Amino acid sequence: MQCVAIVYKRSRPEAAKLARIIKDWLTSRHVEVLCQENVDQQGRSCASSPKLEIPPQAQTVIVLGGDGTLLSVARFLAGRTTPVMGINLGGLGFLTEINMEDCFRELKEILGNNYEIEERMRLEVTIQRDGQEVIRQSVLNDAVINKGALARIIDIKTSIDGKYLTNYRADGLIVATPTGSTAYNLSAGGPIVYPTARVVVLTPICPFTLTHRPIILPSEVVIQVEIVGPARDLTLTCDGQVGCELSPLDRIRISTQASPLRLIKTPSINYFEILRTKLKWGQAELRPLP
């Protein structure tokens, strides 16, 4: 590494402090470092989402924060091959897999070229309205169509490669990547998928028909979604961070993006250990004392 960009979580003093410490540590090892605070994207509209400028000369991006911070940075790297390393400032994350206590040990491994690059597929989501493309978003976790608190059940016509699949009558629909399979998809009863698999998961949210179950599709497919009937108070949410209001007759097209996100993995990082820890598998049930 000759040039590194450090992006740290917004409004977190400990993140800014750690960024300065890592910058000094890398600079002492003859690495050029560019530090900047992440922009706040939570609850933003797709159309007005702010932009984070990551210099093109940066050969690696180090993200200090949680999975949400890394998700937002990943959108700014859409179309770029710059690898990303995530350092979690709180609990263990699925994407920010390195904790603060181990970060310098892991950085030494990376500087010694003892690492590999893991590719995570991304989705490209577009909205077609009146024959015009109005929104295009890169998605690492999921794209979710759902209704407002008081909206009725919605009817979602879904086609795969131009072939009709079904009409989901549900509270919404999740289209998730393998990386996003452990996010909203998991809460809605969808499957856990190994993160480097090349598949897409469709999971209806609280379907009216109980036979409507999650389905796993190959990554090469093109998914098209249309809202049937009145479309009031409906939103398309990308990675749980940026949202777009949907209008009647909108067509949502979802396909695999050509460039995956490239995550830096060191030998000490074990996905199954992260899975067991996060989901508390194999832990004895705690019972109250009599």
Protein backbone atom coordinates (compact mmCIF):
# COMPACT_ATOMS: atom_id res chain seq x y z
CA MET A 1 0.00 0.00 0.00
CA GLN A 2 1.33 3.40 -0.98
CA CYS A 3 -1.82 5.50 -0.50
CA VAL A 4 -4.70 4.78 1.89
CA ALA A 5 -7.99 6.62 2.43
CA ILE A 6 -9.44 6.40 5.94
CA VAL A 7 -13.17 7.10 6.21
CA TYR A 8 -14.47 7.31 9.77
CA LYS A 9 -17.97 7.36 11.23
CA ARG A 10 -19.61 10.75 11.42
CA SER A 11 -20.02 12.48 14.79
CA ARG A 12 -18.04 9.83 16.71
CA PRO A 13 -15.07 11.39 18.56
CA GLU A 14 -13.53 7.95 19.16
CA ALA A 15 -13.64 7.28 15.42
CA ALA A 16 -11.83 10.53 14.62
CA LYS A 17 -9.25 9.76 17.32
CA LEU A 18 -8.59 6.25 16.02
CA ALA A 19 -8.32 7.63 12.46
CA ARG A 20 -5.53 9.99 13.60
CA ILE A 21 -3.70 7.18 15.42
CA ILE A 22 -3.89 4.86 12.39
CA LYS A 23 -2.79 7.70 10.11
CA ASP A 24 0.30 8.35 12.24
CA TRP A 25 1.04 4.60 12.41
CA LEU A 26 0.81 4.19 8.63
CA THR A 27 2.70 7.42 7.90
CA SER A 28 5.60 6.18 10.02
CA ARG A 29 5.69 3.19 7.66
CA HIS A 30 5.91 5.42 4.57
CA VAL A 31 2.25 5.12 3.57
CA GLU A 32 0.43 8.22 2.36
CA VAL A 33 -2.87 8.60 4.27
CA LEU A 34 -5.96 10.68 3.45
CA CYS A 35 -8.48 11.01 6.31
CA GLN A 36 -12.08 12.17 6.05
CA GLU A 37 -15.36 11.94 7.94
CA ASN A 38 -18.15 9.93 6.34
CA VAL A 39 -21.21 11.80 5.10
CA ASP A 40 -24.55 11.17 6.81
CA GLN A 41 -26.84 9.18 4.51
CA GLN A 42 -29.35 7.76 6.98
CA GLY A 43 -32.89 8.52 5.84
CA ARG A 44 -31.78 10.36 2.71
CA SER A 45 -33.63 10.38 -0.58
CA CYS A 46 -31.99 8.50 -3.45
CA ALA A 47 -32.18 11.66 -5.54
CA SER A 48 -30.55 13.95 -2.96
CA SER A 49 -28.02 11.59 -1.40
CA PRO A 50 -24.74 13.42 -0.64
CA LYS A 51 -21.48 12.25 -2.18
CA LEU A 52 -18.27 11.15 -0.51
CA GLU A 53 -15.19 11.96 -2.56
CA ILE A 54 -12.62 9.17 -2.27
CA PRO A 55 -9.49 10.21 -4.17
CA PRO A 56 -8.74 8.00 -7.18
CA GLN A 57 -5.11 7.55 -6.07
CA ALA A 58 -6.26 5.70 -2.91
CA GLN A 59 -5.23 2.06 -3.30
CA THR A 60 -7.10 0.93 -0.19
CA VAL A 61 -10.00 2.30 1.87
CA ILE A 62 -10.09 1.72 5.63
CA VAL A 63 -13.57 2.21 7.13
CA LEU A 64 -13.88 3.00 10.85
CA GLY A 65 -17.40 2.48 12.16
CA GLY A 66 -19.96 -0.26 11.82
CA ASP A 67 -21.60 -2.18 9.00
CA GLY A 68 -23.79 0.83 8.20
CA THR A 69 -20.74 3.03 7.65
CA LEU A 70 -19.19 0.45 5.35
CA LEU A 71 -22.45 0.08 3.39
CA SER A 72 -22.55 3.81 2.69
CA VAL A 73 -18.88 3.89 1.65
CA ALA A 74 -19.46 0.89 -0.64
CA ARG A 75 -22.01 2.90 -2.63
CA PHE A 76 -19.41 5.58 -3.32
CA LEU A 77 -17.03 2.89 -4.60
CA ALA A 78 -19.53 1.53 -7.12
CA GLY A 79 -17.68 0.88 -10.36
CA ARG A 80 -14.27 0.98 -8.67
CA THR A 81 -11.98 -1.92 -7.75
CA THR A 82 -10.47 -0.27 -4.65
CA PRO A 83 -10.35 -2.87 -1.84
CA VAL A 84 -11.93 -2.08 1.54
CA MET A 85 -10.95 -2.98 5.10
CA GLY A 86 -13.57 -2.53 7.84
CA ILE A 87 -12.71 -1.85 11.50
CA ASN A 88 -15.66 -2.06 13.89
CA LEU A 89 -15.86 0.46 16.71
CA GLY A 90 -18.47 -1.45 18.68
CA GLY A 91 -19.52 -5.09 18.55
CA LEU A 92 -18.39 -7.52 15.90
CA GLY A 93 -19.89 -6.80 12.47
CA PHE A 94 -20.60 -8.98 9.46
CA LEU A 95 -18.80 -6.51 7.17
CA THR A 96 -16.54 -4.61 9.59
CA GLU A 97 -14.96 -7.80 10.84
CA ILE A 98 -11.89 -6.38 12.61
CA ASN A 99 -12.20 -4.97 16.12
CA MET A 100 -10.21 -2.03 17.45
CA GLU A 101 -8.02 -4.17 19.70
CA ASP A 102 -6.76 -6.23 16.74
CA CYS A 103 -6.58 -3.56 14.04
CA PHE A 104 -2.82 -2.91 14.19
CA ARG A 105 -2.05 -6.63 14.14
CA GLU A 106 -4.27 -6.96 11.05
CA LEU A 107 -2.69 -3.91 9.43
CA LYS A 108 0.74 -5.49 9.87
CA GLU A 109 -0.53 -8.59 8.08
CA ILE A 110 -1.84 -6.46 5.21
CA LEU A 111 1.39 -4.47 4.91
CA GLY A 112 3.17 -7.82 4.76
CA ASN A 113 0.87 -8.91 1.90
CA ASN A 114 -0.59 -11.67 4.06
CA TYR A 115 -4.20 -11.23 3.00
CA GLU A 116 -6.67 -12.09 0.27
CA ILE A 117 -9.42 -10.21 -1.52
CA GLU A 118 -12.99 -11.47 -1.11
CA GLU A 119 -15.46 -10.31 -3.76
CA ARG A 120 -19.02 -9.52 -2.69
CA MET A 121 -21.61 -9.16 -5.43
CA ARG A 122 -23.66 -5.99 -5.64
CA LEU A 123 -27.01 -5.20 -7.20
CA GLU A 124 -27.93 -2.37 -9.51
CA VAL A 125 -31.43 -1.03 -8.91
CA THR A 126 -33.23 1.27 -11.31
CA ILE A 127 -36.70 2.83 -11.34
CA GLN A 128 -38.40 3.38 -14.68
CA ARG A 129 -41.17 6.02 -14.67
CA ASP A 130 -43.10 7.02 -17.78
CA GLY A 131 -40.45 5.37 -19.92
CA GLN A 132 -37.61 7.30 -18.24
CA GLU A 133 -35.00 6.10 -15.78
CA VAL A 134 -35.39 8.29 -12.69
CA ILE A 135 -33.20 6.49 -10.15
CA ARG A 136 -30.12 4.24 -10.34
CA GLN A 137 -28.55 2.87 -7.15
CA SER A 138 -25.78 0.46 -6.25
CA VAL A 139 -26.77 -1.94 -3.46
CA LEU A 140 -24.56 -4.22 -1.36
CA ASN A 141 -27.12 -5.59 1.11
CA ASP A 142 -30.67 -5.32 -0.18
CA ALA A 143 -33.39 -3.40 -1.95
CA VAL A 144 -36.68 -3.36 -0.06
CA ILE A 145 -40.12 -2.37 -1.29
CA ASN A 146 -42.47 -1.72 1.60
CA LYS A 147 -45.47 0.29 2.65
CA GLY A 148 -46.04 3.02 5.21
CA ALA A 149 -47.47 2.30 8.64
CA LEU A 150 -51.10 2.86 7.57
CA ALA A 151 -50.92 1.53 4.01
CA ARG A 152 -52.82 -1.58 3.06
CA ILE A 153 -51.30 -4.84 1.89
CA ILE A 154 -49.65 -4.35 -1.51
CA ASP A 155 -49.77 -6.42 -4.68
CA ILE A 156 -46.30 -6.83 -6.20
CA LYS A 157 -46.06 -8.34 -9.68
CA THR A 158 -42.66 -9.99 -10.07
CA SER A 159 -41.01 -11.26 -13.26
CA ILE A 160 -37.67 -13.00 -13.80
CA ASP A 161 -35.91 -12.43 -17.13
CA GLY A 162 -39.22 -11.26 -18.57
CA LYS A 163 -41.06 -14.40 -17.41
CA TYR A 164 -43.88 -13.96 -14.91
CA LEU A 165 -43.09 -15.41 -11.47
CA THR A 166 -46.00 -14.42 -9.20
CA ASN A 167 -47.93 -11.61 -7.60
CA TYR A 168 -46.81 -11.24 -4.00
CA ARG A 169 -49.60 -9.93 -1.79
CA ALA A 170 -47.57 -8.86 1.22
CA ASP A 171 -46.31 -5.99 3.34
CA GLY A 172 -43.37 -5.77 0.99
CA LEU A 173 -40.56 -7.56 -0.82
CA ILE A 174 -36.84 -7.91 -0.07
CA VAL A 175 -34.31 -8.51 -2.84
CA ALA A 176 -31.06 -9.40 -1.08
CA THR A 177 -27.49 -10.29 -1.97
CA PRO A 178 -25.65 -13.05 -0.07
CA THR A 179 -24.01 -10.28 1.99
CA GLY A 180 -27.46 -8.93 2.84
CA SER A 181 -28.91 -12.34 3.66
CA THR A 182 -28.06 -11.81 7.34
CA ALA A 183 -29.79 -8.42 7.46
CA TYR A 184 -33.54 -7.71 6.94
CA ASN A 185 -33.83 -10.91 4.89
CA LEU A 186 -32.95 -13.01 7.95
CA SER A 187 -35.48 -11.20 10.15
CA ALA A 188 -38.18 -11.83 7.53
CA GLY A 189 -37.51 -15.58 7.51
CA GLY A 190 -35.15 -15.72 4.54
CA PRO A 191 -32.13 -18.05 4.29
CA ILE A 192 -28.55 -17.35 5.31
CA VAL A 193 -26.34 -17.50 2.20
CA TYR A 194 -22.56 -17.77 2.20
CA PRO A 195 -21.34 -14.24 1.36
CA THR A 196 -19.30 -15.09 -1.77
CA ALA A 197 -22.10 -17.11 -3.41
CA ARG A 198 -23.41 -15.76 -6.71
CA VAL A 199 -27.16 -15.74 -6.05
CA VAL A 200 -30.03 -13.34 -5.33
CA VAL A 201 -32.67 -13.93 -2.65
CA LEU A 202 -36.33 -12.86 -2.96
CA THR A 203 -38.14 -12.78 0.37
CA PRO A 204 -41.72 -11.53 0.77
CA ILE A 205 -42.46 -9.60 3.98
CA CYS A 206 -45.45 -11.04 5.89
CA PRO A 207 -47.09 -12.57 2.78
CA PHE A 208 -50.87 -12.94 2.74
CA THR A 209 -50.48 -16.35 1.09
CA LEU A 210 -48.40 -18.63 3.31
CA THR A 211 -47.18 -20.66 0.33
CA HIS A 212 -45.23 -17.61 -0.88
CA ARG A 213 -41.80 -18.54 0.42
CA PRO A 214 -38.32 -17.07 -0.14
CA ILE A 215 -36.66 -18.12 -3.39
CA ILE A 216 -32.97 -18.21 -4.37
CA LEU A 217 -32.14 -17.22 -7.95
CA PRO A 218 -28.90 -17.26 -9.96
CA SER A 219 -27.05 -13.95 -10.10
CA GLU A 220 -27.45 -13.66 -13.89
CA VAL A 221 -31.20 -13.02 -13.74
CA VAL A 222 -32.93 -9.68 -14.20
CA ILE A 223 -35.77 -9.09 -11.73
CA GLN A 224 -38.58 -6.72 -12.62
CA VAL A 225 -41.12 -5.57 -10.06
CA GLU A 226 -44.34 -3.63 -10.63
CA ILE A 227 -46.92 -2.45 -8.12
CA VAL A 228 -50.40 -3.59 -9.10
CA GLY A 229 -53.30 -1.32 -8.17
CA PRO A 230 -53.08 1.86 -6.05
CA ALA A 231 -49.51 2.65 -4.93
CA ARG A 232 -49.84 4.97 -1.96
CA ASP A 233 -47.16 5.55 0.64
CA LEU A 234 -44.73 3.03 -0.87
CA THR A 235 -40.95 3.26 -0.66
CA LEU A 236 -37.95 1.58 -2.22
CA THR A 237 -35.15 1.51 0.36
CA CYS A 238 -31.56 0.69 -0.62
CA ASP A 239 -29.27 -0.84 2.02
CA GLY A 240 -31.61 0.51 4.72
CA GLN A 241 -30.13 3.99 4.26
CA VAL A 242 -31.48 5.81 1.22
CA GLY A 243 -35.10 5.75 0.12
CA CYS A 244 -37.16 6.58 -2.94
CA GLU A 245 -40.90 7.17 -2.97
CA LEU A 246 -42.66 4.99 -5.52
CA SER A 247 -45.38 6.19 -7.87
CA PRO A 248 -48.13 4.16 -9.58
CA LEU A 249 -46.89 2.25 -12.65
CA ASP A 250 -43.22 2.51 -11.60
CA ARG A 251 -41.12 -0.39 -12.81
CA ILE A 252 -38.23 -1.50 -10.62
CA ARG A 253 -35.43 -3.37 -12.37
CA ILE A 254 -32.82 -5.25 -10.33
CA SER A 255 -29.75 -6.98 -11.74
CA THR A 256 -26.24 -7.89 -10.65
CA GLN A 257 -23.75 -5.05 -10.91
CA ALA A 258 -20.67 -5.76 -12.99
CA SER A 259 -18.14 -4.69 -10.33
CA PRO A 260 -18.26 -6.44 -6.93
CA LEU A 261 -17.13 -4.91 -3.66
CA ARG A 262 -13.62 -6.14 -2.83
CA LEU A 263 -13.13 -6.82 0.90
CA ILE A 264 -9.70 -7.36 2.44
CA LYS A 265 -9.55 -10.59 4.46
CA THR A 266 -6.66 -11.65 6.68
CA PRO A 267 -6.08 -15.28 7.79
CA SER A 268 -7.49 -14.61 11.28
CA ILE A 269 -10.94 -13.65 9.95
CA ASN A 270 -13.35 -16.60 10.04
CA TYR A 271 -16.88 -16.05 8.67
CA PHE A 272 -18.34 -19.02 10.55
CA GLU A 273 -16.94 -17.74 13.83
CA ILE A 274 -18.52 -14.36 13.13
CA LEU A 275 -21.81 -16.09 12.32
CA ARG A 276 -21.76 -18.10 15.54
CA THR A 277 -20.90 -15.03 17.61
CA LYS A 278 -23.47 -12.70 16.05
CA LEU A 279 -26.30 -15.24 16.10
CA LYS A 280 -25.26 -16.79 19.42
CA TRP A 281 -25.21 -20.32 18.04
CA GLY A 282 -24.14 -23.07 20.41
CA GLN A 283 -24.44 -20.92 23.51
CA ALA A 284 -26.16 -22.49 26.50
CA GLU A 285 -29.56 -21.01 27.24
CA LEU A 286 -29.48 -18.82 30.33
CA ARG A 287 -32.25 -19.74 32.77
CA PRO A 288 -33.33 -17.56 35.70
CA LEU A 289 -32.35 -18.73 39.14
CA PRO A 290 -35.20 -20.35 41.15
